[in-house]
């Protein structure tokens, strides 16, 4: 999924459910969702999204007193984030090239 398509898919959800507590005016836990980027090849973006995904899975976002998203809607956003995280991980790994993987595999075999 391209960056713009990803943002179009998740930003309305973020705006409806999370920017009240994690937006420009208020940042619970020093976390802003409104500045989240879609470049998952960037490690810091991937780490922030990993935190969002973890909190979603743990049922911590949205707080119990807030209106809860529908399970299908929450699942769709979680799937979008997870998919972009896999794509970003693949892009970061591709930058390392095959030599790093070979050396790591070789070192692990030597340890065994």
Protein backbone atom coordinates (compact mmCIF):
# COMPACT_ATOMS: atom_id res chain seq x y z
CA UNK A 1 0.00 0.00 0.00
CA UNK A 2 1.41 3.38 -0.97
CA UNK A 3 1.99 6.07 1.65
CA UNK A 4 -0.86 8.29 0.46
CA UNK A 5 -3.32 5.36 0.31
CA UNK A 6 -2.25 4.29 3.79
CA UNK A 7 -2.79 7.77 5.22
CA UNK A 8 -6.18 8.06 3.52
CA UNK A 9 -7.16 4.74 5.08
CA UNK A 10 -6.05 5.42 8.67
CA UNK A 11 -6.16 9.19 9.21
CA UNK A 12 -9.98 9.42 9.41
CA UNK A 13 -9.91 6.65 12.03
CA UNK A 14 -7.15 8.40 14.00
CA UNK A 15 -8.98 11.71 13.80
CA UNK A 16 -12.27 10.24 14.98
CA UNK A 17 -10.89 8.17 17.84
CA UNK A 18 -7.49 9.41 18.98
CA UNK A 19 -6.62 13.02 18.14
CA UNK A 20 -8.66 14.27 21.11
CA UNK A 21 -6.06 12.74 23.41
CA UNK A 22 -3.04 12.57 21.09
CA UNK A 23 -3.34 15.64 18.86
CA UNK A 24 -1.93 19.15 18.62
CA UNK A 25 -3.78 20.47 21.69
CA UNK A 26 -3.37 17.52 24.04
CA UNK A 27 -0.78 14.75 24.10
CA UNK A 28 -1.44 12.06 26.69
CA UNK A 29 1.73 10.14 27.33
CA UNK A 30 3.68 12.66 25.22
CA UNK A 31 2.42 10.91 22.10
CA UNK A 32 0.96 12.63 19.03
CA UNK A 33 -0.91 10.58 16.47
CA UNK A 34 -1.61 13.55 14.20
CA UNK A 35 2.06 13.85 13.20
CA UNK A 36 2.48 10.18 12.36
CA UNK A 37 4.14 9.68 8.99
CA UNK A 38 3.69 6.82 6.56
CA UNK A 39 7.37 6.24 5.71
CA UNK A 40 7.79 2.89 7.42
CA UNK A 41 11.25 2.44 5.94
CA UNK A 42 12.23 5.03 8.57
CA UNK A 43 12.93 3.15 11.81
CA UNK A 44 11.56 5.86 14.12
CA UNK A 45 8.22 5.87 12.25
CA UNK A 46 8.09 2.08 12.44
CA UNK A 47 8.77 2.18 16.17
CA UNK A 48 6.00 4.74 16.77
CA UNK A 49 3.56 2.65 14.74
CA UNK A 50 4.60 -0.47 16.59
CA UNK A 51 3.63 1.29 19.82
CA UNK A 52 0.25 2.26 18.32
CA UNK A 53 -0.34 -1.32 17.17
CA UNK A 54 0.62 -2.69 20.58
CA UNK A 55 -1.75 -0.29 22.37
CA UNK A 56 -4.55 -1.14 19.95
CA UNK A 57 -4.05 -4.88 20.47
CA UNK A 58 -3.93 -4.45 24.25
CA UNK A 59 -7.23 -2.56 24.19
CA UNK A 60 -5.64 0.60 25.59
CA UNK A 61 -6.67 2.82 22.67
CA UNK A 62 -9.34 4.16 22.96
CA UNK A 63 -9.80 4.57 26.74
CA UNK A 64 -12.81 2.73 28.20
CA UNK A 65 -14.73 5.96 28.86
CA UNK A 66 -14.43 7.01 25.20
CA UNK A 67 -16.55 5.74 22.33
CA UNK A 68 -15.00 2.47 21.18
CA UNK A 69 -14.33 1.77 17.51
CA UNK A 70 -16.12 -1.16 15.94
CA UNK A 71 -14.01 -4.34 15.98
CA UNK A 72 -13.99 -4.60 12.17
CA UNK A 73 -12.87 -0.98 11.85
CA UNK A 74 -10.15 -1.44 14.48
CA UNK A 75 -9.02 -4.66 12.79
CA UNK A 76 -8.82 -3.00 9.39
CA UNK A 77 -6.63 -0.19 10.71
CA UNK A 78 -4.45 -2.67 12.62
CA UNK A 79 -4.03 -4.74 9.44
CA UNK A 80 -3.08 -1.63 7.47
CA UNK A 81 -0.46 -0.66 10.06
CA UNK A 82 0.92 -4.19 10.28
CA UNK A 83 1.14 -4.46 6.49
CA UNK A 84 3.03 -1.17 6.20
CA UNK A 85 5.35 -2.25 9.01
CA UNK A 86 6.22 -5.44 7.09
CA UNK A 87 6.86 -3.41 3.94
CA UNK A 88 9.07 -1.00 5.88
CA UNK A 89 11.01 -3.83 7.46
CA UNK A 90 11.61 -5.37 4.04
CA UNK A 91 12.82 -2.01 2.70
CA UNK A 92 15.21 -1.58 5.63
CA UNK A 93 16.52 -5.13 5.23
CA UNK A 94 17.03 -4.63 1.49
CA UNK A 95 19.41 -1.76 2.22
CA UNK A 96 21.74 -4.15 4.06
CA UNK A 97 22.26 -6.46 1.12
CA UNK A 98 22.86 -10.21 1.12
CA UNK A 99 26.36 -10.13 2.67
CA UNK A 100 25.11 -9.09 6.11
CA UNK A 101 22.58 -11.93 6.09
CA UNK A 102 25.18 -14.47 4.99
CA UNK A 103 27.61 -13.40 7.70
CA UNK A 104 24.95 -13.54 10.39
CA UNK A 105 23.82 -17.00 9.27
CA UNK A 106 27.40 -18.18 9.17
CA UNK A 107 28.13 -16.84 12.66
CA UNK A 108 25.03 -18.55 14.06
CA UNK A 109 26.00 -21.87 12.50
CA UNK A 110 29.47 -21.57 14.02
CA UNK A 111 27.93 -21.05 17.46
CA UNK A 112 25.81 -24.17 17.15
